[in-house]
Amino acid sequence: MIEIAWENFTPWSALAGGIIIGLSAAAFVLLNGRIAGISGIVGGLLAPRKRDVLWRVAFLAGMIAAPLIWMMTADLPAIEINASYPVLVISGLLVGIGTRYGSGCTSGHGVCGLSRLSLRSLTATLTFMTAGFITVYAVRHLITGA
């Protein structure tokens, strides 16, 4: 039987967050002509081109600054990671490999690509969502027996 933690069910804040992310991604592509995919932004810094670094650094600085600004007004939500460092490292490497083979990450395909009605992004999003569902089921029910 599945138990739902109703105290964590926050549809209005989730809706507001989704609207903000959607508007931000739309503004980014309209104003800059670029997709707000994190892997592409970071990847562009690894092999920088002239006149292509400042906006990438500014984007990443904003991602780092946002929780710091939040901490000035409220406590950050508690983060609990129930995995060892080796598992986290292997997971990160697998995500990186998948991002490379999939030509983008969840933000690039799931947010920006789907909003552009990209069939490639739809395929990528369905693939990583399905892989995520299968992985969670396998780890929680087949491997650990929880």
C-alpha atoms as a PDB file:
ATOM      1  CA  MET A   1       0.000   0.000   0.000  1.00  0.00           C
ATOM      2  CA  ILE A   2       1.273   3.459  -0.878  1.00  0.00           C
ATOM      3  CA  GLU A   3       1.236   6.012   1.898  1.00  0.00           C
ATOM      4  CA  ILE A   4       0.960   9.669   0.992  1.00  0.00           C
ATOM      5  CA  ALA A   5       2.548  12.265   3.250  1.00  0.00           C
ATOM      6  CA  TRP A   6      -0.173  14.880   2.863  1.00  0.00           C
ATOM      7  CA  GLU A   7       1.849  17.471   4.788  1.00  0.00           C
ATOM      8  CA  ASN A   8       4.279  17.446   1.836  1.00  0.00           C
ATOM      9  CA  PHE A   9       1.509  17.834  -0.738  1.00  0.00           C
ATOM     10  CA  THR A  10       1.852  21.467  -1.820  1.00  0.00           C
ATOM     11  CA  PRO A  11       0.076  21.948  -5.152  1.00  0.00           C
ATOM     12  CA  TRP A  12      -0.113  25.749  -5.028  1.00  0.00           C
ATOM     13  CA  SER A  13       3.571  26.332  -4.365  1.00  0.00           C
ATOM     14  CA  ALA A  14       4.410  23.672  -6.963  1.00  0.00           C
ATOM     15  CA  LEU A  15       2.167  25.421  -9.488  1.00  0.00           C
ATOM     16  CA  ALA A  16       3.729  28.793  -8.695  1.00  0.00           C
ATOM     17  CA  GLY A  17       7.231  27.332  -9.038  1.00  0.00           C
ATOM     18  CA  GLY A  18       6.338  25.732 -12.359  1.00  0.00           C
ATOM     19  CA  ILE A  19       4.959  29.011 -13.678  1.00  0.00           C
ATOM     20  CA  ILE A  20       8.097  30.875 -12.591  1.00  0.00           C
ATOM     21  CA  ILE A  21      10.367  28.268 -14.210  1.00  0.00           C
ATOM     22  CA  GLY A  22       8.315  28.350 -17.417  1.00  0.00           C
ATOM     23  CA  LEU A  23       8.318  32.140 -17.602  1.00  0.00           C
ATOM     24  CA  SER A  24      12.052  32.249 -16.866  1.00  0.00           C
ATOM     25  CA  ALA A  25      12.834  29.700 -19.581  1.00  0.00           C
ATOM     26  CA  ALA A  26      10.628  31.572 -22.059  1.00  0.00           C
ATOM     27  CA  ALA A  27      12.227  34.919 -21.205  1.00  0.00           C
ATOM     28  CA  PHE A  28      15.691  33.392 -21.522  1.00  0.00           C
ATOM     29  CA  VAL A  29      15.055  32.044 -25.004  1.00  0.00           C
ATOM     30  CA  LEU A  30      13.259  35.212 -26.144  1.00  0.00           C
ATOM     31  CA  LEU A  31      15.881  37.610 -24.795  1.00  0.00           C
ATOM     32  CA  ASN A  32      19.022  35.554 -25.447  1.00  0.00           C
ATOM     33  CA  GLY A  33      18.002  33.122 -28.151  1.00  0.00           C
ATOM     34  CA  ARG A  34      19.398  30.298 -26.040  1.00  0.00           C
ATOM     35  CA  ILE A  35      17.946  27.287 -24.249  1.00  0.00           C
ATOM     36  CA  ALA A  36      18.184  27.322 -20.441  1.00  0.00           C
ATOM     37  CA  GLY A  37      19.607  23.798 -20.252  1.00  0.00           C
ATOM     38  CA  ILE A  38      22.032  23.531 -17.365  1.00  0.00           C
ATOM     39  CA  SER A  39      24.261  20.886 -18.942  1.00  0.00           C
ATOM     40  CA  GLY A  40      24.708  23.016 -22.053  1.00  0.00           C
ATOM     41  CA  ILE A  41      25.448  26.123 -20.013  1.00  0.00           C
ATOM     42  CA  VAL A  42      28.055  24.369 -17.859  1.00  0.00           C
ATOM     43  CA  GLY A  43      29.442  22.451 -20.846  1.00  0.00           C
ATOM     44  CA  GLY A  44      29.996  25.720 -22.677  1.00  0.00           C
ATOM     45  CA  LEU A  45      32.253  26.855 -19.857  1.00  0.00           C
ATOM     46  CA  LEU A  46      34.442  23.775 -20.212  1.00  0.00           C
ATOM     47  CA  ALA A  47      35.313  24.739 -23.800  1.00  0.00           C
ATOM     48  CA  PRO A  48      34.760  28.511 -23.719  1.00  0.00           C
ATOM     49  CA  ARG A  49      34.397  30.631 -26.822  1.00  0.00           C
ATOM     50  CA  LYS A  50      34.984  34.342 -27.078  1.00  0.00           C
ATOM     51  CA  ARG A  51      31.967  36.435 -25.977  1.00  0.00           C
ATOM     52  CA  ASP A  52      30.223  33.313 -24.678  1.00  0.00           C
ATOM     53  CA  VAL A  53      31.434  33.129 -21.094  1.00  0.00           C
ATOM     54  CA  LEU A  54      29.912  36.092 -19.237  1.00  0.00           C
ATOM     55  CA  TRP A  55      26.262  35.121 -19.598  1.00  0.00           C
ATOM     56  CA  ARG A  56      27.050  31.515 -18.598  1.00  0.00           C
ATOM     57  CA  VAL A  57      28.889  32.650 -15.464  1.00  0.00           C
ATOM     58  CA  ALA A  58      26.044  35.066 -14.638  1.00  0.00           C
ATOM     59  CA  PHE A  59      23.466  32.277 -15.039  1.00  0.00           C
ATOM     60  CA  LEU A  60      25.387  29.942 -12.741  1.00  0.00           C
ATOM     61  CA  ALA A  61      26.074  32.746 -10.244  1.00  0.00           C
ATOM     62  CA  GLY A  62      22.319  33.315 -10.066  1.00  0.00           C
ATOM     63  CA  MET A  63      21.767  29.638  -9.304  1.00  0.00           C
ATOM     64  CA  ILE A  64      24.302  29.830  -6.480  1.00  0.00           C
ATOM     65  CA  ALA A  65      23.028  33.174  -5.179  1.00  0.00           C
ATOM     66  CA  ALA A  66      19.352  32.171  -5.037  1.00  0.00           C
ATOM     67  CA  PRO A  67      19.595  29.894  -1.967  1.00  0.00           C
ATOM     68  CA  LEU A  68      21.952  32.382  -0.284  1.00  0.00           C
ATOM     69  CA  ILE A  69      19.364  35.134  -0.728  1.00  0.00           C
ATOM     70  CA  TRP A  70      16.638  32.766   0.494  1.00  0.00           C
ATOM     71  CA  MET A  71      18.648  32.103   3.668  1.00  0.00           C
ATOM     72  CA  MET A  72      18.502  35.832   4.467  1.00  0.00           C
ATOM     73  CA  THR A  73      14.714  35.655   4.768  1.00  0.00           C
ATOM     74  CA  ALA A  74      13.940  32.073   5.821  1.00  0.00           C
ATOM     75  CA  ASP A  75      15.488  28.724   6.659  1.00  0.00           C
ATOM     76  CA  LEU A  76      16.350  26.440   3.813  1.00  0.00           C
ATOM     77  CA  PRO A  77      14.298  23.240   3.703  1.00  0.00           C
ATOM     78  CA  ALA A  78      15.962  20.270   5.366  1.00  0.00           C
ATOM     79  CA  ILE A  79      17.841  18.096   2.895  1.00  0.00           C
ATOM     80  CA  GLU A  80      18.311  14.436   3.704  1.00  0.00           C
ATOM     81  CA  ILE A  81      20.383  12.243   1.417  1.00  0.00           C
ATOM     82  CA  ASN A  82      20.203   8.549   2.184  1.00  0.00           C
ATOM     83  CA  ALA A  83      23.070   7.396  -0.012  1.00  0.00           C
ATOM     84  CA  SER A  84      26.773   6.855   0.417  1.00  0.00           C
ATOM     85  CA  TYR A  85      29.400   8.928  -1.382  1.00  0.00           C
ATOM     86  CA  PRO A  86      30.273   6.116  -3.824  1.00  0.00           C
ATOM     87  CA  VAL A  87      26.594   5.804  -4.788  1.00  0.00           C
ATOM     88  CA  LEU A  88      26.349   9.579  -5.269  1.00  0.00           C
ATOM     89  CA  VAL A  89      29.497   9.634  -7.426  1.00  0.00           C
ATOM     90  CA  ILE A  90      28.315   6.721  -9.585  1.00  0.00           C
ATOM     91  CA  SER A  91      24.864   8.305  -9.894  1.00  0.00           C
ATOM     92  CA  GLY A  92      26.378  11.617 -10.952  1.00  0.00           C
ATOM     93  CA  LEU A  93      28.540   9.922 -13.564  1.00  0.00           C
ATOM     94  CA  LEU A  94      25.535   8.037 -14.951  1.00  0.00           C
ATOM     95  CA  VAL A  95      23.517  11.252 -15.143  1.00  0.00           C
ATOM     96  CA  GLY A  96      26.413  12.969 -16.909  1.00  0.00           C
ATOM     97  CA  ILE A  97      26.755  10.139 -19.416  1.00  0.00           C
ATOM     98  CA  GLY A  98      23.004  10.138 -20.041  1.00  0.00           C
ATOM     99  CA  THR A  99      23.024  13.895 -20.483  1.00  0.00           C
ATOM    100  CA  ARG A 100      25.791  13.621 -23.057  1.00  0.00           C
ATOM    101  CA  TYR A 101      24.145  10.794 -25.009  1.00  0.00           C
ATOM    102  CA  GLY A 102      20.729  12.434 -24.762  1.00  0.00           C
ATOM    103  CA  SER A 103      22.049  15.781 -26.027  1.00  0.00           C
ATOM    104  CA  GLY A 104      20.725  17.618 -23.002  1.00  0.00           C
ATOM    105  CA  CYS A 105      19.459  17.444 -19.458  1.00  0.00           C
ATOM    106  CA  THR A 106      16.075  17.510 -17.783  1.00  0.00           C
ATOM    107  CA  SER A 107      15.896  21.294 -17.831  1.00  0.00           C
ATOM    108  CA  GLY A 108      16.891  21.488 -21.484  1.00  0.00           C
ATOM    109  CA  HIS A 109      14.574  18.758 -22.731  1.00  0.00           C
ATOM    110  CA  GLY A 110      11.835  18.656 -20.086  1.00  0.00           C
ATOM    111  CA  VAL A 111      11.251  22.377 -19.708  1.00  0.00           C
ATOM    112  CA  CYS A 112      12.613  24.108 -22.789  1.00  0.00           C
ATOM    113  CA  GLY A 113      12.337  21.366 -25.404  1.00  0.00           C
ATOM    114  CA  LEU A 114       8.781  20.348 -24.557  1.00  0.00           C
ATOM    115  CA  SER A 115       7.646  23.967 -24.622  1.00  0.00           C
ATOM    116  CA  ARG A 116       9.012  24.163 -28.195  1.00  0.00           C
ATOM    117  CA  LEU A 117       7.089  20.959 -29.055  1.00  0.00           C
ATOM    118  CA  SER A 118      10.346  19.161 -29.875  1.00  0.00           C
ATOM    119  CA  LEU A 119       9.798  15.469 -30.649  1.00  0.00           C
ATOM    120  CA  ARG A 120      13.415  14.737 -29.658  1.00  0.00           C
ATOM    121  CA  SER A 121      12.819  16.384 -26.274  1.00  0.00           C
ATOM    122  CA  LEU A 122       9.578  14.458 -25.792  1.00  0.00           C
ATOM    123  CA  THR A 123      11.421  11.204 -26.498  1.00  0.00           C
ATOM    124  CA  ALA A 124      14.261  12.156 -24.145  1.00  0.00           C
ATOM    125  CA  THR A 125      11.868  13.217 -21.365  1.00  0.00           C
ATOM    126  CA  LEU A 126       9.817  10.021 -21.642  1.00  0.00           C
ATOM    127  CA  THR A 127      13.045   7.991 -21.605  1.00  0.00           C
ATOM    128  CA  PHE A 128      14.550   9.556 -18.491  1.00  0.00           C
ATOM    129  CA  MET A 129      11.226   9.585 -16.642  1.00  0.00           C
ATOM    130  CA  THR A 130      10.683   5.902 -17.419  1.00  0.00           C
ATOM    131  CA  ALA A 131      14.263   5.077 -16.399  1.00  0.00           C
ATOM    132  CA  GLY A 132      13.736   6.995 -13.151  1.00  0.00           C
ATOM    133  CA  PHE A 133      10.489   5.171 -12.356  1.00  0.00           C
ATOM    134  CA  ILE A 134      12.067   1.784 -13.031  1.00  0.00           C
ATOM    135  CA  THR A 135      15.159   2.641 -10.969  1.00  0.00           C
ATOM    136  CA  VAL A 136      13.141   3.797  -7.944  1.00  0.00           C
ATOM    137  CA  TYR A 137      10.936   0.698  -8.135  1.00  0.00           C
ATOM    138  CA  ALA A 138      13.929  -1.618  -8.437  1.00  0.00           C
ATOM    139  CA  VAL A 139      15.872  -0.004  -5.610  1.00  0.00           C
ATOM    140  CA  ARG A 140      12.927   0.295  -3.227  1.00  0.00           C
ATOM    141  CA  HIS A 141      11.143  -2.962  -3.926  1.00  0.00           C
ATOM    142  CA  LEU A 142      13.482  -5.440  -5.562  1.00  0.00           C
ATOM    143  CA  ILE A 143      16.873  -4.628  -4.064  1.00  0.00           C
ATOM    144  CA  THR A 144      16.164  -3.253  -0.583  1.00  0.00           C
ATOM    145  CA  GLY A 145      12.703  -4.785  -0.143  1.00  0.00           C
ATOM    146  CA  ALA A 146      11.263  -1.646   1.408  1.00  0.00           C
END
